[in-house]
Amino acid sequence: MVFVMRSVSLADKKFIYEESRKHHRCKCGCGQYIKIKRSHRYIGIPRFLRHHYKFTEKDFITFTCPECGKEIKDIPYKVKNLITCSVECRDKRNSRLQLSVRTGERKDRIEIECLNCHKMFYRVPHLAQKRFCSLKCAHEHIIGSNNPSWKGGKKLALERRSSKHRQRGSIFLNKSFVGCAGHHIDKDHIIHIPNKIHNPTFLPHSYYTWLNMDAQNRIAFDYLYNDLDNAIMNLEAIENLRLIYTVD
């Protein structure tokens, strides 16, 4: 047997459009709209929604939400199984009574101490491996030395970077500091200067093509002369290098 879907004719569409604008309501008093269908053109528009014809407004019952106190007045089969008036009230009730959202049954919970703030909180057994009371505590706990990938911070990172340059035979004219960048005045000599004055956006330069290197070297030596307390090389050697790698 083959079923053929009948297409909606223009007359049917006109009927559905015109009758939908009349806002037919269920006569039982519930106030719900009746959805107009194509078949209603031939069999008539029903007066009641399904299962509503047995009830009148006198048969309505009132339900009071135990959480917010809201009253709901509706036909019995819609109200008799209600526990709360909304999803929000249901979640509040389940949280207060420690009930499962899916089954509504009481769940056994264990008490856990947060590793970050040491606050006691409750959690179901299969989530006991999560030892933090909130995402905020979890993020705070993995910052800094508590992080398994911690390698000592910026200070040790600078020391490791400096050690790599020493292995290559580089010579430092001053000490490194947090927020510095190593500027190569030539292949072997390095001056530590603030990153903001070594950034290519401040002055584009290149050691390989010697683009703007005289100007950048002049800036680096000017910074070094203003911070001689952290200088490693003696002043005479620094002056000799300055004369070689800067052009006045």
C-alpha atoms as a PDB file:
ATOM      1  CA  MET A   1       0.000   0.000   0.000  1.00  0.00           C
ATOM      2  CA  VAL A   2       1.349   3.384  -0.982  1.00  0.00           C
ATOM      3  CA  PHE A   3       0.344   6.531   0.877  1.00  0.00           C
ATOM      4  CA  VAL A   4       0.340   9.750  -1.080  1.00  0.00           C
ATOM      5  CA  MET A   5       0.714  13.021   0.862  1.00  0.00           C
ATOM      6  CA  ARG A   6      -1.973  15.442  -0.212  1.00  0.00           C
ATOM      7  CA  SER A   7      -0.602  18.905  -0.872  1.00  0.00           C
ATOM      8  CA  VAL A   8      -2.232  21.870   0.862  1.00  0.00           C
ATOM      9  CA  SER A   9      -4.314  23.748  -1.643  1.00  0.00           C
ATOM     10  CA  LEU A  10      -4.600  27.507  -1.854  1.00  0.00           C
ATOM     11  CA  ALA A  11      -8.158  27.326  -0.460  1.00  0.00           C
ATOM     12  CA  ASP A  12      -6.941  25.298   2.538  1.00  0.00           C
ATOM     13  CA  LYS A  13      -4.180  27.808   3.225  1.00  0.00           C
ATOM     14  CA  LYS A  14      -6.691  30.665   3.035  1.00  0.00           C
ATOM     15  CA  PHE A  15      -9.008  28.853   5.453  1.00  0.00           C
ATOM     16  CA  ILE A  16      -6.223  28.197   7.978  1.00  0.00           C
ATOM     17  CA  TYR A  17      -5.035  31.804   7.775  1.00  0.00           C
ATOM     18  CA  GLU A  18      -8.482  33.351   8.224  1.00  0.00           C
ATOM     19  CA  GLU A  19      -9.567  31.054  11.068  1.00  0.00           C
ATOM     20  CA  SER A  20      -6.239  31.428  12.913  1.00  0.00           C
ATOM     21  CA  ARG A  21      -6.823  35.191  13.060  1.00  0.00           C
ATOM     22  CA  LYS A  22     -10.085  34.551  14.968  1.00  0.00           C
ATOM     23  CA  HIS A  23      -8.162  33.009  17.911  1.00  0.00           C
ATOM     24  CA  HIS A  24     -10.459  30.091  18.693  1.00  0.00           C
ATOM     25  CA  ARG A  25     -10.149  29.074  22.354  1.00  0.00           C
ATOM     26  CA  CYS A  26     -11.079  25.903  24.191  1.00  0.00           C
ATOM     27  CA  LYS A  27     -14.621  26.146  25.623  1.00  0.00           C
ATOM     28  CA  CYS A  28     -13.666  24.386  28.856  1.00  0.00           C
ATOM     29  CA  GLY A  29     -12.321  27.662  30.230  1.00  0.00           C
ATOM     30  CA  CYS A  30      -8.609  26.821  30.207  1.00  0.00           C
ATOM     31  CA  GLY A  31      -7.952  29.705  27.806  1.00  0.00           C
ATOM     32  CA  GLN A  32      -5.708  27.716  25.448  1.00  0.00           C
ATOM     33  CA  TYR A  33      -5.827  28.309  21.697  1.00  0.00           C
ATOM     34  CA  ILE A  34      -7.022  25.674  19.237  1.00  0.00           C
ATOM     35  CA  LYS A  35      -4.555  25.084  16.418  1.00  0.00           C
ATOM     36  CA  ILE A  36      -6.368  25.247  13.079  1.00  0.00           C
ATOM     37  CA  LYS A  37      -5.698  22.345  10.710  1.00  0.00           C
ATOM     38  CA  ARG A  38      -6.607  21.601   7.122  1.00  0.00           C
ATOM     39  CA  SER A  39      -9.125  18.905   8.174  1.00  0.00           C
ATOM     40  CA  HIS A  40     -11.133  21.467  10.169  1.00  0.00           C
ATOM     41  CA  ARG A  41     -12.331  22.922   6.879  1.00  0.00           C
ATOM     42  CA  TYR A  42     -14.276  19.700   6.200  1.00  0.00           C
ATOM     43  CA  ILE A  43     -15.184  18.371   9.673  1.00  0.00           C
ATOM     44  CA  GLY A  44     -15.500  21.694  11.497  1.00  0.00           C
ATOM     45  CA  ILE A  45     -13.404  23.404  14.157  1.00  0.00           C
ATOM     46  CA  PRO A  46     -13.579  21.558  17.520  1.00  0.00           C
ATOM     47  CA  ARG A  47     -14.897  23.369  20.585  1.00  0.00           C
ATOM     48  CA  PHE A  48     -12.516  21.654  23.021  1.00  0.00           C
ATOM     49  CA  LEU A  49      -8.915  20.557  23.067  1.00  0.00           C
ATOM     50  CA  ARG A  50      -8.185  16.896  23.547  1.00  0.00           C
ATOM     51  CA  HIS A  51      -9.246  15.619  27.020  1.00  0.00           C
ATOM     52  CA  HIS A  52     -10.664  19.059  27.892  1.00  0.00           C
ATOM     53  CA  TYR A  53     -14.298  18.426  27.052  1.00  0.00           C
ATOM     54  CA  LYS A  54     -14.966  16.668  30.383  1.00  0.00           C
ATOM     55  CA  PHE A  55     -13.941  19.645  32.495  1.00  0.00           C
ATOM     56  CA  THR A  56     -15.463  23.001  33.180  1.00  0.00           C
ATOM     57  CA  GLU A  57     -14.066  25.922  35.145  1.00  0.00           C
ATOM     58  CA  LYS A  58     -15.753  24.543  38.278  1.00  0.00           C
ATOM     59  CA  ASP A  59     -13.663  21.376  37.984  1.00  0.00           C
ATOM     60  CA  PHE A  60     -10.336  23.235  37.977  1.00  0.00           C
ATOM     61  CA  ILE A  61      -8.051  22.619  40.942  1.00  0.00           C
ATOM     62  CA  THR A  62      -5.410  24.926  42.401  1.00  0.00           C
ATOM     63  CA  PHE A  63      -1.781  23.943  42.959  1.00  0.00           C
ATOM     64  CA  THR A  64       0.493  25.962  45.250  1.00  0.00           C
ATOM     65  CA  CYS A  65       4.251  25.743  44.646  1.00  0.00           C
ATOM     66  CA  PRO A  66       6.030  24.780  47.904  1.00  0.00           C
ATOM     67  CA  GLU A  67       9.122  26.844  46.983  1.00  0.00           C
ATOM     68  CA  CYS A  68       7.809  30.218  45.778  1.00  0.00           C
ATOM     69  CA  GLY A  69       4.138  30.027  46.812  1.00  0.00           C
ATOM     70  CA  LYS A  70       2.835  30.635  43.281  1.00  0.00           C
ATOM     71  CA  GLU A  71      -0.687  29.317  42.615  1.00  0.00           C
ATOM     72  CA  ILE A  72      -1.523  27.450  39.402  1.00  0.00           C
ATOM     73  CA  LYS A  73      -5.162  26.804  38.470  1.00  0.00           C
ATOM     74  CA  ASP A  74      -5.659  24.186  35.775  1.00  0.00           C
ATOM     75  CA  ILE A  75      -7.484  20.977  34.860  1.00  0.00           C
ATOM     76  CA  PRO A  76      -6.796  18.033  37.195  1.00  0.00           C
ATOM     77  CA  TYR A  77      -4.641  15.838  34.926  1.00  0.00           C
ATOM     78  CA  LYS A  78      -2.144  18.692  34.461  1.00  0.00           C
ATOM     79  CA  VAL A  79      -1.896  19.621  38.120  1.00  0.00           C
ATOM     80  CA  LYS A  80      -2.083  16.347  40.047  1.00  0.00           C
ATOM     81  CA  ASN A  81       1.552  15.310  39.243  1.00  0.00           C
ATOM     82  CA  LEU A  82       3.161  18.728  39.748  1.00  0.00           C
ATOM     83  CA  ILE A  83       5.822  19.077  42.450  1.00  0.00           C
ATOM     84  CA  THR A  84       6.967  22.622  41.695  1.00  0.00           C
ATOM     85  CA  CYS A  85       5.791  25.350  39.334  1.00  0.00           C
ATOM     86  CA  SER A  86       8.975  25.711  37.249  1.00  0.00           C
ATOM     87  CA  VAL A  87      12.423  24.322  36.531  1.00  0.00           C
ATOM     88  CA  GLU A  88      14.025  26.993  38.742  1.00  0.00           C
ATOM     89  CA  CYS A  89      11.912  25.971  41.732  1.00  0.00           C
ATOM     90  CA  ARG A  90      12.635  22.303  41.025  1.00  0.00           C
ATOM     91  CA  ASP A  91      16.394  22.937  41.075  1.00  0.00           C
ATOM     92  CA  LYS A  92      16.088  24.868  44.355  1.00  0.00           C
ATOM     93  CA  ARG A  93      14.126  22.023  45.932  1.00  0.00           C
ATOM     94  CA  ASN A  94      16.550  19.355  44.721  1.00  0.00           C
ATOM     95  CA  SER A  95      19.508  21.379  45.939  1.00  0.00           C
ATOM     96  CA  ARG A  96      17.884  21.881  49.349  1.00  0.00           C
ATOM     97  CA  LEU A  97      16.953  18.226  49.722  1.00  0.00           C
ATOM     98  CA  GLN A  98      20.052  16.902  47.847  1.00  0.00           C
ATOM     99  CA  LEU A  99      17.911  15.033  45.300  1.00  0.00           C
ATOM    100  CA  SER A 100      18.765  13.734  41.844  1.00  0.00           C
ATOM    101  CA  VAL A 101      17.416  15.952  39.040  1.00  0.00           C
ATOM    102  CA  ARG A 102      16.714  12.932  36.836  1.00  0.00           C
ATOM    103  CA  THR A 103      15.102  10.498  39.309  1.00  0.00           C
ATOM    104  CA  GLY A 104      14.190  12.716  42.263  1.00  0.00           C
ATOM    105  CA  GLU A 105      15.743  10.201  44.691  1.00  0.00           C
ATOM    106  CA  ARG A 106      17.974  11.197  47.579  1.00  0.00           C
ATOM    107  CA  LYS A 107      21.667  10.816  46.800  1.00  0.00           C
ATOM    108  CA  ASP A 108      24.368   9.880  49.290  1.00  0.00           C
ATOM    109  CA  ARG A 109      27.007  12.608  49.511  1.00  0.00           C
ATOM    110  CA  ILE A 110      30.405  12.744  51.137  1.00  0.00           C
ATOM    111  CA  GLU A 111      32.117  15.675  52.811  1.00  0.00           C
ATOM    112  CA  ILE A 112      35.266  16.973  51.088  1.00  0.00           C
ATOM    113  CA  GLU A 113      37.778  19.687  52.035  1.00  0.00           C
ATOM    114  CA  CYS A 114      38.694  22.158  49.280  1.00  0.00           C
ATOM    115  CA  LEU A 115      42.427  22.056  48.557  1.00  0.00           C
ATOM    116  CA  ASN A 116      42.575  25.822  47.987  1.00  0.00           C
ATOM    117  CA  CYS A 117      40.340  27.544  50.562  1.00  0.00           C
ATOM    118  CA  HIS A 118      40.001  24.518  52.938  1.00  0.00           C
ATOM    119  CA  LYS A 119      36.230  24.972  53.016  1.00  0.00           C
ATOM    120  CA  MET A 120      34.134  21.825  53.643  1.00  0.00           C
ATOM    121  CA  PHE A 121      31.559  20.977  50.959  1.00  0.00           C
ATOM    122  CA  TYR A 122      29.465  17.984  49.864  1.00  0.00           C
ATOM    123  CA  ARG A 123      29.745  16.001  46.656  1.00  0.00           C
ATOM    124  CA  VAL A 124      28.403  12.728  45.267  1.00  0.00           C
ATOM    125  CA  PRO A 125      30.878   9.801  45.494  1.00  0.00           C
ATOM    126  CA  HIS A 126      31.609   9.490  41.764  1.00  0.00           C
ATOM    127  CA  LEU A 127      32.756  13.162  41.729  1.00  0.00           C
ATOM    128  CA  ALA A 128      34.908  12.864  44.850  1.00  0.00           C
ATOM    129  CA  GLN A 129      38.121  13.167  42.795  1.00  0.00           C
ATOM    130  CA  LYS A 130      37.230  16.819  42.144  1.00  0.00           C
ATOM    131  CA  ARG A 131      38.798  18.412  45.229  1.00  0.00           C
ATOM    132  CA  PHE A 132      37.783  22.054  44.712  1.00  0.00           C
ATOM    133  CA  CYS A 133      34.569  23.745  45.815  1.00  0.00           C
ATOM    134  CA  SER A 134      34.421  26.040  42.748  1.00  0.00           C
ATOM    135  CA  LEU A 135      36.149  26.859  39.452  1.00  0.00           C
ATOM    136  CA  LYS A 136      37.655  29.955  41.069  1.00  0.00           C
ATOM    137  CA  CYS A 137      39.481  27.844  43.662  1.00  0.00           C
ATOM    138  CA  ALA A 138      40.601  25.387  40.975  1.00  0.00           C
ATOM    139  CA  HIS A 139      42.124  28.194  38.884  1.00  0.00           C
ATOM    140  CA  GLU A 140      43.803  29.832  41.885  1.00  0.00           C
ATOM    141  CA  HIS A 141      45.355  26.540  42.965  1.00  0.00           C
ATOM    142  CA  ILE A 142      47.161  25.848  39.671  1.00  0.00           C
ATOM    143  CA  ILE A 143      48.701  29.323  39.439  1.00  0.00           C
ATOM    144  CA  GLY A 144      52.347  29.653  40.453  1.00  0.00           C
ATOM    145  CA  SER A 145      54.411  26.999  42.198  1.00  0.00           C
ATOM    146  CA  ASN A 146      51.422  24.652  42.666  1.00  0.00           C
ATOM    147  CA  ASN A 147      51.215  24.106  38.910  1.00  0.00           C
ATOM    148  CA  PRO A 148      52.848  20.804  37.843  1.00  0.00           C
ATOM    149  CA  SER A 149      54.430  22.635  34.881  1.00  0.00           C
ATOM    150  CA  TRP A 150      56.016  25.318  37.118  1.00  0.00           C
ATOM    151  CA  LYS A 151      59.630  26.000  36.134  1.00  0.00           C
ATOM    152  CA  GLY A 152      60.575  28.752  38.539  1.00  0.00           C
ATOM    153  CA  GLY A 153      58.945  31.835  37.055  1.00  0.00           C
ATOM    154  CA  LYS A 154      60.363  34.754  35.098  1.00  0.00           C
ATOM    155  CA  LYS A 155      63.575  35.040  37.115  1.00  0.00           C
ATOM    156  CA  LEU A 156      64.654  31.440  36.519  1.00  0.00           C
ATOM    157  CA  ALA A 157      63.512  31.680  32.902  1.00  0.00           C
ATOM    158  CA  LEU A 158      65.906  34.607  32.416  1.00  0.00           C
ATOM    159  CA  GLU A 159      68.730  32.635  34.030  1.00  0.00           C
ATOM    160  CA  ARG A 160      68.062  29.652  31.752  1.00  0.00           C
ATOM    161  CA  ARG A 161      68.017  31.914  28.710  1.00  0.00           C
ATOM    162  CA  SER A 162      71.270  33.546  29.793  1.00  0.00           C
ATOM    163  CA  SER A 163      72.914  30.156  30.322  1.00  0.00           C
ATOM    164  CA  LYS A 164      72.054  29.172  26.738  1.00  0.00           C
ATOM    165  CA  HIS A 165      73.774  32.324  25.469  1.00  0.00           C
ATOM    166  CA  ARG A 166      76.852  31.546  27.630  1.00  0.00           C
ATOM    167  CA  GLN A 167      77.050  28.069  26.105  1.00  0.00           C
ATOM    168  CA  ARG A 168      77.173  29.695  22.675  1.00  0.00           C
ATOM    169  CA  GLY A 169      80.021  31.933  23.838  1.00  0.00           C
ATOM    170  CA  SER A 170      78.026  35.168  24.160  1.00  0.00           C
ATOM    171  CA  ILE A 171      79.395  37.957  26.373  1.00  0.00           C
ATOM    172  CA  PHE A 172      76.997  40.057  28.460  1.00  0.00           C
ATOM    173  CA  LEU A 173      77.747  43.707  29.148  1.00  0.00           C
ATOM    174  CA  ASN A 174      75.194  43.997  31.994  1.00  0.00           C
ATOM    175  CA  LYS A 175      72.943  41.848  34.180  1.00  0.00           C
ATOM    176  CA  SER A 176      69.515  40.612  33.094  1.00  0.00           C
ATOM    177  CA  PHE A 177      66.308  41.748  34.809  1.00  0.00           C
ATOM    178  CA  VAL A 178      62.575  41.068  34.599  1.00  0.00           C
ATOM    179  CA  GLY A 179      61.079  42.603  31.463  1.00  0.00           C
ATOM    180  CA  CYS A 180      64.369  42.837  29.573  1.00  0.00           C
ATOM    181  CA  ALA A 181      65.408  41.779  26.095  1.00  0.00           C
ATOM    182  CA  GLY A 182      68.887  40.882  24.908  1.00  0.00           C
ATOM    183  CA  HIS A 183      70.117  43.217  22.180  1.00  0.00           C
ATOM    184  CA  HIS A 184      73.014  41.889  20.085  1.00  0.00           C
ATOM    185  CA  ILE A 185      75.358  44.723  19.211  1.00  0.00           C
ATOM    186  CA  ASP A 186      77.332  42.078  17.277  1.00  0.00           C
ATOM    187  CA  LYS A 187      77.448  38.305  17.111  1.00  0.00           C
ATOM    188  CA  ASP A 188      79.068  37.841  20.548  1.00  0.00           C
ATOM    189  CA  HIS A 189      78.144  40.871  22.721  1.00  0.00           C
ATOM    190  CA  ILE A 190      74.697  41.373  24.284  1.00  0.00           C
ATOM    191  CA  ILE A 191      73.213  44.319  26.228  1.00  0.00           C
ATOM    192  CA  HIS A 192      70.074  43.779  28.307  1.00  0.00           C
ATOM    193  CA  ILE A 193      67.623  46.629  27.716  1.00  0.00           C
ATOM    194  CA  PRO A 194      63.886  47.044  28.475  1.00  0.00           C
ATOM    195  CA  ASN A 195      61.683  45.191  26.056  1.00  0.00           C
ATOM    196  CA  LYS A 196      59.684  48.335  25.220  1.00  0.00           C
ATOM    197  CA  ILE A 197      62.737  49.995  23.624  1.00  0.00           C
ATOM    198  CA  HIS A 198      63.868  46.780  21.921  1.00  0.00           C
ATOM    199  CA  ASN A 199      60.479  46.028  20.353  1.00  0.00           C
ATOM    200  CA  PRO A 200      60.542  46.202  16.526  1.00  0.00           C
ATOM    201  CA  THR A 201      57.530  48.526  16.646  1.00  0.00           C
ATOM    202  CA  PHE A 202      59.666  51.033  18.564  1.00  0.00           C
ATOM    203  CA  LEU A 203      62.546  50.941  16.069  1.00  0.00           C
ATOM    204  CA  PRO A 204      62.647  48.254  13.354  1.00  0.00           C
ATOM    205  CA  HIS A 205      66.158  46.846  13.157  1.00  0.00           C
ATOM    206  CA  SER A 206      67.964  43.731  11.952  1.00  0.00           C
ATOM    207  CA  TYR A 207      71.395  42.380  12.870  1.00  0.00           C
ATOM    208  CA  TYR A 208      71.678  40.378   9.634  1.00  0.00           C
ATOM    209  CA  THR A 209      71.003  43.275   7.257  1.00  0.00           C
ATOM    210  CA  TRP A 210      72.303  45.943   9.699  1.00  0.00           C
ATOM    211  CA  LEU A 211      69.041  47.875   9.267  1.00  0.00           C
ATOM    212  CA  ASN A 212      68.924  50.725  11.852  1.00  0.00           C
ATOM    213  CA  MET A 213      71.518  48.877  13.957  1.00  0.00           C
ATOM    214  CA  ASP A 214      73.614  52.015  14.553  1.00  0.00           C
ATOM    215  CA  ALA A 215      70.595  53.832  15.997  1.00  0.00           C
ATOM    216  CA  GLN A 216      69.526  50.819  18.108  1.00  0.00           C
ATOM    217  CA  ASN A 217      73.076  50.312  19.394  1.00  0.00           C
ATOM    218  CA  ARG A 218      73.199  53.983  20.392  1.00  0.00           C
ATOM    219  CA  ILE A 219      69.949  53.536  22.369  1.00  0.00           C
ATOM    220  CA  ALA A 220      71.319  50.407  24.045  1.00  0.00           C
ATOM    221  CA  PHE A 221      74.592  52.073  25.092  1.00  0.00           C
ATOM    222  CA  ASP A 222      72.742  55.139  26.368  1.00  0.00           C
ATOM    223  CA  TYR A 223      70.661  52.854  28.598  1.00  0.00           C
ATOM    224  CA  LEU A 224      73.785  51.030  29.752  1.00  0.00           C
ATOM    225  CA  TYR A 225      75.551  54.270  30.727  1.00  0.00           C
ATOM    226  CA  ASN A 226      72.531  55.271  32.805  1.00  0.00           C
ATOM    227  CA  ASP A 227      72.590  51.904  34.601  1.00  0.00           C
ATOM    228  CA  LEU A 228      76.269  51.252  35.223  1.00  0.00           C
ATOM    229  CA  ASP A 229      75.544  49.659  38.619  1.00  0.00           C
ATOM    230  CA  ASN A 230      74.404  46.508  36.816  1.00  0.00           C
ATOM    231  CA  ALA A 231      77.265  46.540  34.306  1.00  0.00           C
ATOM    232  CA  ILE A 232      79.429  43.423  34.136  1.00  0.00           C
ATOM    233  CA  MET A 233      82.129  44.632  31.768  1.00  0.00           C
ATOM    234  CA  ASN A 234      84.427  47.501  32.813  1.00  0.00           C
ATOM    235  CA  LEU A 235      83.771  51.021  31.535  1.00  0.00           C
ATOM    236  CA  GLU A 236      86.823  51.146  29.254  1.00  0.00           C
ATOM    237  CA  ALA A 237      85.789  48.000  27.354  1.00  0.00           C
ATOM    238  CA  ILE A 238      82.227  49.288  27.034  1.00  0.00           C
ATOM    239  CA  GLU A 239      83.515  52.583  25.593  1.00  0.00           C
ATOM    240  CA  ASN A 240      85.634  50.713  23.037  1.00  0.00           C
ATOM    241  CA  LEU A 241      82.630  48.695  21.894  1.00  0.00           C
ATOM    242  CA  ARG A 242      80.517  51.817  21.674  1.00  0.00           C
ATOM    243  CA  LEU A 243      83.030  53.498  19.369  1.00  0.00           C
ATOM    244  CA  ILE A 244      83.074  50.431  17.105  1.00  0.00           C
ATOM    245  CA  TYR A 245      79.347  49.710  16.823  1.00  0.00           C
ATOM    246  CA  THR A 246      77.799  53.190  16.876  1.00  0.00           C
ATOM    247  CA  VAL A 247      78.062  56.007  14.404  1.00  0.00           C
ATOM    248  CA  ASP A 248      77.597  59.521  15.767  1.00  0.00           C
END
